[in-house]
Every structure is written in structure tokens, then in C-alpha cells.
Amino acid sequence: VIIAGGGTVGLSTAWYLAQSNKNYSSITVLDPYPPPAYASAGNDINKVIRNEYDMAIYSVIADEALDIWMSNPIFKDYYHNVGHLSGSFEGPPYSDWNLTNNNTFKYTDASRFEVFGANISTIFAERWPVFKNGPPPDFLGAINGRGGWANAAGAMKALGEYLKTDKRIHFVNGEQGTAKGLIKSGAKVTGVRTADGSAHHGDLVILSMGAWTSQIIDLEGQGWPDFSFVTSIQLTEQEIKELGQFPVVDLINPGLLPSQTSGYFFPPNEDGLLKIVAKIDGHFRYTRKTSNGMMYVVKPSEAHDPKNKLPLQDAIDWRQFITYWLPQIGYKNFTKSSACWDLATFDGYWILGPHPSSPESLFIATGGNGNTFKNLVNIGKYVVQFVEGTLSSERQETFRWRP
């Protein structure tokens, strides 16, 4: 088996292939970089781990992932169950908010899930005095004690190191691991051609290249490369102590006020970095206009370029966002900005399935939509089940190639 792309989906797929009773004789993972795959969306200081979704199938799969994060020896030391504080500024009839909450109660372990009512200001004051301004106006809120964040890059590196102990698994990096095209015999895909001209042949090719997928195949309108900016604030030991512990804060459906910006932020990690993503425009593709009308361009290959800077208007908006929630540190400089690239799909679901041009030997596994890292621990199971014909017909229909 050849896996082109060694990020979140590729690593997870290699792990589950290795566990399969099919006993695959050779599993080759191609990527320009070793785990944690430098340009991967998963190569980050932390990612949200949650099970609240407005798509029921994701609620189920995310809840399963949480069990693995909390129990598997490869991952559990990288997971921090600090809670997930979700919020929305959606107006009546609150359909998205209600659907997400109903899915959480119906399809997940909701024993620690609580939706706030009119007493929300009192709850904030009692539980999270660190949020000195309390909840913003018109805030719909919920807390899930079953959720939090993971050291993303650390977990990916740990999985990579574990996989290297399996003699069947081979990581190929550098130009020799940079996929540039497919090798075919007639219409059948037989391998992957890499940047140095090498040919990597296999009975099965799994394409899991995220934002780079469209550089290898035509997605036929199903998805596109997409990115959001990420930044962080460096805290001192004293500031970390003063803030104390608090949950991941994750807000959707923005309102009109600066305090009603959607976005999310994390408690500081072990290095004292507090990561922020304020979704002013949601995710944006390739280019966007700045306040002075100029276009700001970021390419996937430049995801972690140290020259990356937040567009000025975003920096202003993000400053207002974090200053409302944590005025104690709102004045501090942003220390690093990067672009987190992924593949967005037209309907928000993964693309997992055989490609119609070569259904016996080419399998597509992509479409993270900016929220799949939590599934590092289990998305590979569904890829392998689809490959081996054991995935339920309902899930095959949901995730299949669907132009």
C-alpha cells in the first residue's frame, strides 16, 4: 500500500492498516516531511477535541475518538480534558444551536454536558472568574466536561515513532516523498511519482494529501484548498498562574459587536503559548482583501513561513476578541502567525472512497474541513473499513466520491 500524504489522515490510515487482519506486507507513507508532517494542518501546538456537531455522524465518530484519546497509551499523555465551552450568537429560532445540542445529548456520552439558561452570568462568575467580563450579550452557551485539547504535533510525532517500530511501515521523505503525480497502466493507477523522479508502486494507492489533493487529481467541484490564520500570545509563568485553568472556548455564528466575534482560544500550553483563532471571515481561499483593498496571498507551502503576518484588520479584530475574554493579557503582542491549510468540501463531509477512474487501486481520503485532527485516533479505521468493504452502507454513501 502506498499512502501519499503523512498528515493526520495518512498517519491514522497507516496505523489501522497495520492493525488489520489482512496483514498488509508493506505500507509506504510518502510526505515531504517526517511526522508531524511540517505543512500538515495537524502540525500545531494544540487542537480542539470535542464531540458537539450539527452533523450526527460526526458526533458519533468524535465521541468514539474521545474514548481513544483518554485511554490509548500512544495518545493519552497528549490529551488535556479541561472541558469545551461552546457558544453561539445565533438568533431565533436557534436551529443550528439546538441541532448541535440535541445531537450531543442523543449520540454521545453527555453525562458532563450542560446547556446554560438564564443564569449564565452567575455560572460564569462562579466557575470562570478569569473571564472578567462574563458572557457577551445574547450569548448561548454550553459546557462539556468531556472535551478539551490535544498537543497536536506531539501526538502526531508519537504515532509516527510508534509506526516506525513496525517493519512493514516505511516513511519516505524529502523530494523522494513529495508526490507529484500518479503512475498508470492504462486507466489503472499502479503507483505514485515523486519530485525526484522516483516511482513508488503498490497494489493500492491512498491519496490523503489534504489541501494538496487537488494538485494530484481533479476534485470535480467537491472541495478546495482552504486556510485560516492562527496566532498565539506568549505568557509568563506569573501570568499562567494568575489565569489558572479554564476550558477551551469555541464560539460560532458571530454577532455584530466586537465581543460577539466567533473564534476559539486555548489555555496556555506547556510552553506558555496561548493560541487564538478568531474566525472573522470563517476560512478563506488563497487570497483575501485587506482593509486597503490589497490582496493578501498565502500558499500551502508557506503555511509556517516565519514571514506570515496577520492582515491588519484581522489583527485589530482578534485583539478586540481576546481582550474581551481575557483583558488581563489582551494588550500583549501576538508572537507567531501561521496559516493552517486543509481541504474544505462542498457539504462539510469527508471524501473517503474509491476513485471511479481506478476503483480497484486508487482510494481518496481527504476533506478535513478544518476540524478533523481530533480523528487522528480513528479516521484511519473508516478508511480501512471502506477499503476492505466492511464500512456500513450508510457511511459509504455519506463519504463516497460525490461530484
Protein backbone atom coordinates (compact mmCIF):
# COMPACT_ATOMS: atom_id res chain seq x y z
CA VAL A 1 0.00 0.00 0.00
CA ILE A 2 1.22 3.50 -0.88
CA ILE A 3 -0.14 6.36 1.27
CA ALA A 4 0.53 9.75 -0.33
CA GLY A 5 0.36 12.28 2.50
CA GLY A 6 1.62 11.66 6.02
CA GLY A 7 -0.53 14.13 7.95
CA THR A 8 -3.49 13.39 10.21
CA VAL A 9 -5.38 11.11 7.81
CA GLY A 10 -2.31 9.39 6.36
CA LEU A 11 -0.79 8.53 9.75
CA SER A 12 -4.13 7.28 11.09
CA THR A 13 -4.64 5.15 7.98
CA ALA A 14 -1.18 3.58 8.30
CA TRP A 15 -1.93 2.75 11.94
CA TYR A 16 -5.19 0.99 11.13
CA LEU A 17 -3.74 -0.82 8.12
CA ALA A 18 -1.08 -2.20 10.44
CA GLN A 19 -3.82 -3.45 12.81
CA SER A 20 -5.88 -5.08 10.04
CA ASN A 21 -6.16 -8.85 9.91
CA LYS A 22 -5.46 -8.57 6.18
CA ASN A 23 -1.75 -8.49 7.12
CA TYR A 24 -0.57 -5.95 4.55
CA SER A 25 3.03 -6.83 3.69
CA SER A 26 4.26 -3.27 3.02
CA ILE A 27 2.88 0.17 3.91
CA THR A 28 4.79 3.16 2.50
CA VAL A 29 3.95 6.67 3.71
CA LEU A 30 5.09 9.45 1.37
CA ASP A 31 5.40 13.02 2.65
CA PRO A 32 7.91 15.83 2.19
CA TYR A 33 8.46 15.78 5.97
CA PRO A 34 8.58 13.14 8.71
CA PRO A 35 5.84 13.16 11.36
CA PRO A 36 4.39 15.56 12.40
CA ALA A 37 4.48 16.49 8.67
CA TYR A 38 5.60 20.13 8.78
CA ALA A 39 2.92 21.55 6.44
CA SER A 40 0.06 19.39 7.77
CA ALA A 41 -2.90 21.07 9.46
CA GLY A 42 -2.19 18.78 12.39
CA ASN A 43 1.29 20.19 12.94
CA ASP A 44 0.24 22.67 15.58
CA ILE A 45 0.68 23.29 19.29
CA ASN A 46 -2.90 22.29 20.04
CA LYS A 47 -6.25 21.34 18.53
CA VAL A 48 -9.79 21.25 19.91
CA ILE A 49 -11.06 17.81 20.94
CA ARG A 50 -14.87 17.89 21.11
CA ASN A 51 -17.93 15.83 20.22
CA GLU A 52 -20.53 18.57 19.63
CA TYR A 53 -21.59 18.71 15.97
CA ASP A 54 -24.63 19.66 13.96
CA MET A 55 -23.90 16.53 11.85
CA ALA A 56 -24.94 13.44 13.78
CA ILE A 57 -22.40 11.13 12.15
CA TYR A 58 -19.56 13.38 13.29
CA SER A 59 -20.95 13.45 16.83
CA VAL A 60 -20.77 9.65 16.96
CA ILE A 61 -17.28 9.41 15.45
CA ALA A 62 -15.90 12.26 17.60
CA ASP A 63 -17.27 10.67 20.77
CA GLU A 64 -15.52 7.44 19.84
CA ALA A 65 -12.33 9.43 19.30
CA LEU A 66 -12.58 10.95 22.77
CA ASP A 67 -12.56 7.48 24.34
CA ILE A 68 -9.36 6.67 22.44
CA TRP A 69 -7.67 9.96 23.37
CA MET A 70 -8.37 9.30 27.03
CA SER A 71 -7.31 5.65 27.11
CA ASN A 72 -4.79 4.73 24.40
CA PRO A 73 -1.19 4.79 25.65
CA ILE A 74 0.07 6.40 22.43
CA PHE A 75 -2.20 9.42 22.82
CA LYS A 76 -3.43 9.88 26.38
CA ASP A 77 -0.44 11.89 27.61
CA TYR A 78 -1.05 14.45 24.84
CA TYR A 79 -4.72 15.00 25.69
CA HIS A 80 -5.93 17.58 28.22
CA ASN A 81 -9.53 17.11 29.37
CA VAL A 82 -10.06 20.71 30.52
CA GLY A 83 -13.59 20.96 29.11
CA HIS A 84 -15.04 22.53 25.98
CA LEU A 85 -17.02 25.76 26.41
CA SER A 86 -19.10 26.28 23.28
CA GLY A 87 -21.11 29.33 22.41
CA SER A 88 -23.16 30.96 19.69
CA PHE A 89 -24.70 34.32 18.89
CA GLU A 90 -27.32 32.81 16.61
CA GLY A 91 -30.73 34.47 16.69
CA PRO A 92 -34.16 32.83 16.87
CA PRO A 93 -35.18 30.10 16.15
CA TYR A 94 -31.68 28.91 17.16
CA SER A 95 -31.88 25.96 14.76
CA ASP A 96 -28.13 25.26 14.42
CA TRP A 97 -27.53 25.64 18.14
CA ASN A 98 -30.42 23.37 19.08
CA LEU A 99 -29.44 20.75 16.50
CA THR A 100 -25.88 20.57 17.81
CA ASN A 101 -27.03 20.25 21.41
CA ASN A 102 -29.65 17.64 20.55
CA ASN A 103 -27.04 15.58 18.68
CA THR A 104 -24.73 15.78 21.68
CA PHE A 105 -27.43 14.51 24.04
CA LYS A 106 -28.61 11.81 21.62
CA TYR A 107 -25.41 10.43 20.10
CA THR A 108 -22.64 10.96 22.66
CA ASP A 109 -21.80 10.41 26.29
CA ALA A 110 -23.47 13.60 27.51
CA SER A 111 -23.06 12.88 31.21
CA ARG A 112 -20.95 16.03 31.61
CA PHE A 113 -22.73 18.20 29.04
CA GLU A 114 -24.70 21.19 30.29
CA VAL A 115 -26.59 23.84 28.31
CA PHE A 116 -26.85 27.16 30.13
CA GLY A 117 -30.06 29.02 30.74
CA ALA A 118 -30.88 32.46 32.08
CA ASN A 119 -28.41 32.04 34.95
CA ILE A 120 -25.42 32.03 32.60
CA SER A 121 -23.84 35.18 34.09
CA THR A 122 -23.90 33.64 37.55
CA ILE A 123 -22.35 30.43 36.23
CA PHE A 124 -19.51 32.35 34.60
CA ALA A 125 -18.83 34.33 37.76
CA GLU A 126 -18.74 31.20 39.91
CA ARG A 127 -16.83 28.81 37.61
CA TRP A 128 -14.64 31.01 35.44
CA PRO A 129 -13.86 34.32 37.13
CA VAL A 130 -10.89 34.52 34.77
CA PHE A 131 -13.39 35.72 32.15
CA LYS A 132 -13.78 39.03 33.91
CA ASN A 133 -16.37 40.49 31.53
CA GLY A 134 -18.65 37.48 31.77
CA PRO A 135 -20.53 36.14 28.73
CA PRO A 136 -21.05 38.58 25.85
CA PRO A 137 -24.55 39.90 25.11
CA ASP A 138 -27.00 37.38 23.58
CA PHE A 139 -24.60 34.53 24.31
CA LEU A 140 -25.93 30.98 24.00
CA GLY A 141 -23.56 28.75 25.94
CA ALA A 142 -22.85 25.17 26.93
CA ILE A 143 -20.03 23.35 28.71
CA ASN A 144 -18.93 19.79 28.06
CA GLY A 145 -16.65 18.31 30.67
CA ARG A 146 -15.88 15.58 28.17
CA GLY A 147 -13.62 17.55 25.85
CA GLY A 148 -10.60 19.80 25.73
CA TRP A 149 -7.45 19.98 23.67
CA ALA A 150 -4.55 17.88 22.46
CA ASN A 151 -0.90 18.66 21.80
CA ALA A 152 -1.36 18.03 18.11
CA ALA A 153 2.22 17.96 16.84
CA GLY A 154 3.28 15.90 19.85
CA ALA A 155 0.59 13.29 19.26
CA MET A 156 1.41 13.01 15.56
CA LYS A 157 5.10 12.60 16.28
CA ALA A 158 4.33 9.95 18.90
CA LEU A 159 2.17 7.98 16.46
CA GLY A 160 4.88 8.27 13.82
CA GLU A 161 7.50 6.92 16.23
CA TYR A 162 5.21 4.05 17.16
CA LEU A 163 4.61 3.17 13.50
CA LYS A 164 8.35 3.12 12.82
CA THR A 165 8.62 0.11 15.12
CA ASP A 166 6.58 -1.92 12.60
CA LYS A 167 8.96 -3.28 9.98
CA ARG A 168 6.22 -3.23 7.33
CA ILE A 169 5.84 0.55 7.55
CA HIS A 170 8.26 2.78 5.66
CA PHE A 171 8.36 6.59 5.78
CA VAL A 172 9.83 8.24 2.70
CA ASN A 173 10.53 11.99 2.99
CA GLY A 174 12.19 14.83 1.13
CA GLU A 175 11.81 15.05 -2.65
CA GLN A 176 11.57 11.27 -2.77
CA GLY A 177 8.44 11.54 -0.59
CA THR A 178 6.85 14.53 -2.34
CA ALA A 179 4.01 13.21 -4.50
CA LYS A 180 3.78 14.87 -7.91
CA GLY A 181 1.52 12.56 -9.88
CA LEU A 182 0.02 9.12 -10.32
CA ILE A 183 1.55 6.26 -12.28
CA LYS A 184 -0.90 4.38 -14.50
CA SER A 185 -1.04 1.27 -16.58
CA GLY A 186 -3.84 2.12 -18.96
CA ALA A 187 -6.56 3.52 -16.71
CA LYS A 188 -5.40 1.64 -13.63
CA VAL A 189 -3.33 3.51 -11.04
CA THR A 190 -0.27 1.50 -10.09
CA GLY A 191 1.77 3.95 -8.04
CA VAL A 192 2.93 7.47 -7.26
CA ARG A 193 5.63 9.56 -8.93
CA THR A 194 7.58 11.84 -6.61
CA ALA A 195 9.54 15.06 -7.07
CA ASP A 196 12.90 13.36 -7.54
CA GLY A 197 11.51 11.19 -10.34
CA SER A 198 11.17 8.06 -8.21
CA ALA A 199 8.35 5.62 -8.91
CA HIS A 200 6.63 4.09 -5.87
CA HIS A 201 4.48 1.15 -6.95
CA GLY A 202 1.72 -0.53 -4.99
CA ASP A 203 -1.42 -2.59 -5.33
CA LEU A 204 -3.32 0.24 -3.65
CA VAL A 205 -2.68 3.99 -3.57
CA ILE A 206 -4.39 6.02 -0.84
CA LEU A 207 -4.34 9.76 -1.53
CA SER A 208 -4.51 11.65 1.79
CA MET A 209 -2.91 14.97 0.92
CA GLY A 210 -5.39 17.43 2.42
CA ALA A 211 -5.05 20.88 0.84
CA TRP A 212 -2.67 19.42 -1.75
CA THR A 213 -5.10 16.78 -3.05
CA SER A 214 -6.19 18.91 -6.00
CA GLN A 215 -2.58 19.09 -7.19
CA ILE A 216 -2.77 15.36 -7.97
CA ILE A 217 -6.37 14.78 -9.05
CA ASP A 218 -9.35 16.82 -10.21
CA LEU A 219 -11.80 17.03 -7.32
CA GLU A 220 -14.61 17.91 -9.74
CA GLY A 221 -16.02 20.64 -7.55
CA GLN A 222 -16.20 18.58 -4.36
CA GLY A 223 -13.58 20.56 -2.47
CA TRP A 224 -10.87 23.21 -2.48
CA PRO A 225 -7.76 24.19 -0.52
CA ASP A 226 -8.71 26.39 2.39
CA PHE A 227 -6.90 28.08 5.25
CA SER A 228 -7.35 30.07 8.40
CA PHE A 229 -4.79 32.16 10.23
CA VAL A 230 -3.57 31.03 13.65
CA THR A 231 -1.71 33.16 16.16
CA SER A 232 -0.59 32.99 19.78
CA ILE A 233 0.44 35.04 22.80
CA GLN A 234 3.45 34.16 24.94
CA LEU A 235 2.64 34.21 28.66
CA THR A 236 4.98 34.47 31.63
CA GLU A 237 4.91 31.95 34.46
CA GLN A 238 3.20 34.55 36.65
CA GLU A 239 0.51 35.20 34.02
CA ILE A 240 -0.13 31.48 33.65
CA LYS A 241 -0.52 31.18 37.40
CA GLU A 242 -2.88 34.16 37.58
CA LEU A 243 -5.10 32.91 34.75
CA GLY A 244 -5.35 29.44 36.23
CA GLN A 245 -7.07 26.60 34.42
CA PHE A 246 -10.01 27.21 32.09
CA PRO A 247 -11.74 25.32 29.28
CA VAL A 248 -11.21 25.68 25.57
CA VAL A 249 -13.53 28.49 24.40
CA ASP A 250 -15.11 27.84 21.00
CA LEU A 251 -17.64 30.30 19.54
CA ILE A 252 -19.69 30.16 16.32
CA ASN A 253 -22.26 32.29 14.48
CA PRO A 254 -20.88 35.77 15.27
CA GLY A 255 -22.95 38.76 16.20
CA LEU A 256 -22.35 42.43 15.33
CA LEU A 257 -20.37 43.53 18.39
CA PRO A 258 -16.61 43.02 18.82
CA SER A 259 -17.37 40.88 21.88
CA GLN A 260 -19.55 38.67 19.65
CA THR A 261 -16.75 37.66 17.29
CA SER A 262 -16.64 33.94 16.58
CA GLY A 263 -13.43 32.08 17.18
CA TYR A 264 -11.66 29.94 19.71
CA PHE A 265 -8.74 30.02 22.11
CA PHE A 266 -6.97 27.60 24.41
CA PRO A 267 -5.48 27.59 27.86
CA PRO A 268 -1.71 28.10 27.68
CA ASN A 269 0.27 25.00 26.73
CA GLU A 270 3.38 23.68 28.49
CA ASP A 271 5.47 26.38 26.78
CA GLY A 272 3.18 29.19 27.90
CA LEU A 273 1.70 29.80 24.46
CA LEU A 274 -1.99 30.74 24.32
CA LYS A 275 -3.30 30.03 20.83
CA ILE A 276 -6.07 32.09 19.22
CA VAL A 277 -8.11 31.66 16.05
CA ALA A 278 -10.72 34.35 15.53
CA LYS A 279 -12.92 33.43 12.58
CA ILE A 280 -13.73 36.89 11.30
CA ASP A 281 -14.49 35.68 7.79
CA GLY A 282 -14.51 31.99 8.53
CA HIS A 283 -11.91 30.30 6.38
CA PHE A 284 -10.69 31.96 3.23
CA ARG A 285 -9.31 30.60 -0.02
CA TYR A 286 -5.85 31.52 -1.30
CA THR A 287 -6.38 35.29 -1.25
CA ARG A 288 -8.41 37.82 0.63
CA LYS A 289 -8.84 41.58 0.54
CA THR A 290 -7.37 43.65 3.32
CA SER A 291 -8.85 46.90 4.57
CA ASN A 292 -6.90 48.90 1.99
CA GLY A 293 -8.13 46.72 -0.88
CA MET A 294 -4.87 44.86 -1.40
CA MET A 295 -4.82 41.10 -1.71
CA TYR A 296 -3.01 39.02 0.88
CA VAL A 297 -1.73 35.72 -0.53
CA VAL A 298 -0.59 32.63 1.30
CA LYS A 299 0.34 29.36 -0.40
CA PRO A 300 0.08 25.95 1.27
CA SER A 301 3.85 25.53 1.05
CA GLU A 302 4.24 28.70 3.13
CA ALA A 303 1.99 27.57 5.99
CA HIS A 304 4.63 28.04 8.68
CA ASP A 305 6.73 30.70 6.97
CA PRO A 306 8.04 33.00 9.73
CA LYS A 307 7.21 35.98 7.49
CA ASN A 308 3.49 35.22 7.76
CA LYS A 309 1.66 38.17 9.25
CA LEU A 310 -1.95 38.66 10.15
CA PRO A 311 -3.70 41.14 7.84
CA LEU A 312 -4.07 44.42 9.71
CA GLN A 313 -7.85 44.31 10.05
CA ASP A 314 -7.73 40.75 11.33
CA ALA A 315 -5.12 41.76 13.90
CA ILE A 316 -7.42 44.55 15.11
CA ASP A 317 -10.45 42.26 15.28
CA TRP A 318 -8.53 39.50 17.03
CA ARG A 319 -7.18 41.95 19.57
CA GLN A 320 -10.74 43.01 20.43
CA PHE A 321 -11.79 39.37 20.64
CA ILE A 322 -9.14 38.22 23.11
CA THR A 323 -9.25 41.48 25.09
CA TYR A 324 -12.94 40.93 25.80
CA TRP A 325 -12.44 37.40 27.03
CA LEU A 326 -9.08 37.81 28.77
CA PRO A 327 -8.48 41.51 29.42
CA GLN A 328 -5.57 40.55 31.70
CA ILE A 329 -3.45 39.70 28.64
CA GLY A 330 -5.26 41.46 25.80
CA TYR A 331 -2.53 44.07 25.47
CA LYS A 332 0.23 41.53 24.77
CA ASN A 333 1.83 41.10 21.35
CA PHE A 334 0.95 38.25 19.07
CA THR A 335 4.10 36.18 18.91
CA LYS A 336 3.60 33.96 15.89
CA SER A 337 1.20 33.66 12.96
CA SER A 338 0.77 30.75 10.60
CA ALA A 339 -1.74 29.57 8.04
CA CYS A 340 -3.49 26.31 8.80
CA TRP A 341 -4.33 24.63 5.49
CA ASP A 342 -6.89 21.92 4.88
CA LEU A 343 -9.30 20.75 2.20
CA ALA A 344 -12.86 22.09 2.53
CA THR A 345 -15.67 20.09 0.95
CA PHE A 346 -18.90 21.43 -0.50
CA ASP A 347 -21.08 19.69 2.08
CA GLY A 348 -18.74 19.50 5.06
CA TYR A 349 -18.26 15.74 4.95
CA TRP A 350 -15.04 13.82 4.38
CA ILE A 351 -14.27 12.33 0.99
CA LEU A 352 -13.40 8.69 1.67
CA GLY A 353 -13.79 6.20 -1.11
CA PRO A 354 -12.50 4.64 -4.30
CA HIS A 355 -11.88 6.93 -7.25
CA PRO A 356 -14.11 5.96 -10.21
CA SER A 357 -11.22 6.13 -12.69
CA SER A 358 -9.40 3.28 -10.94
CA PRO A 359 -11.70 1.90 -8.22
CA GLU A 360 -9.60 -1.17 -7.51
CA SER A 361 -6.35 0.67 -6.84
CA LEU A 362 -6.95 4.38 -6.08
CA PHE A 363 -8.62 5.48 -2.85
CA ILE A 364 -9.24 9.09 -1.80
CA ALA A 365 -9.10 10.09 1.88
CA THR A 366 -9.34 13.84 2.34
CA GLY A 367 -11.65 16.75 3.20
CA GLY A 368 -10.80 17.54 6.81
CA ASN A 369 -12.76 20.81 6.69
CA GLY A 370 -10.57 22.29 9.41
CA ASN A 371 -11.94 20.07 12.17
CA THR A 372 -10.59 16.55 11.69
CA PHE A 373 -7.45 16.46 13.83
CA LYS A 374 -9.45 15.02 16.74
CA ASN A 375 -9.94 11.99 14.50
CA LEU A 376 -6.23 11.25 14.22
CA VAL A 377 -7.08 8.35 16.52
CA ASN A 378 -9.90 6.85 14.43
CA ILE A 379 -10.39 8.25 10.91
CA GLY A 380 -7.99 5.61 9.63
CA LYS A 381 -10.38 2.93 10.84
CA TYR A 382 -13.06 4.19 8.48
CA VAL A 383 -10.62 4.48 5.58
CA VAL A 384 -9.52 0.88 6.09
CA GLN A 385 -13.08 -0.36 6.55
CA PHE A 386 -14.06 1.29 3.26
CA VAL A 387 -11.02 -0.21 1.51
CA GLU A 388 -11.82 -3.67 2.86
CA GLY A 389 -15.57 -3.46 2.20
CA THR A 390 -16.68 -3.58 5.83
CA LEU A 391 -17.86 0.02 6.26
CA SER A 392 -21.61 0.35 6.69
CA SER A 393 -23.55 1.25 3.54
CA GLU A 394 -24.84 4.41 5.26
CA ARG A 395 -21.32 5.70 5.90
CA GLN A 396 -20.15 4.67 2.45
CA GLU A 397 -22.93 6.75 0.97
CA THR A 398 -22.09 9.75 3.17
CA PHE A 399 -18.35 9.80 2.48
CA ARG A 400 -18.07 8.40 -1.05
CA TRP A 401 -16.69 10.25 -4.09
CA ARG A 402 -19.66 12.51 -4.95
CA PRO A 403 -19.04 15.14 -7.65
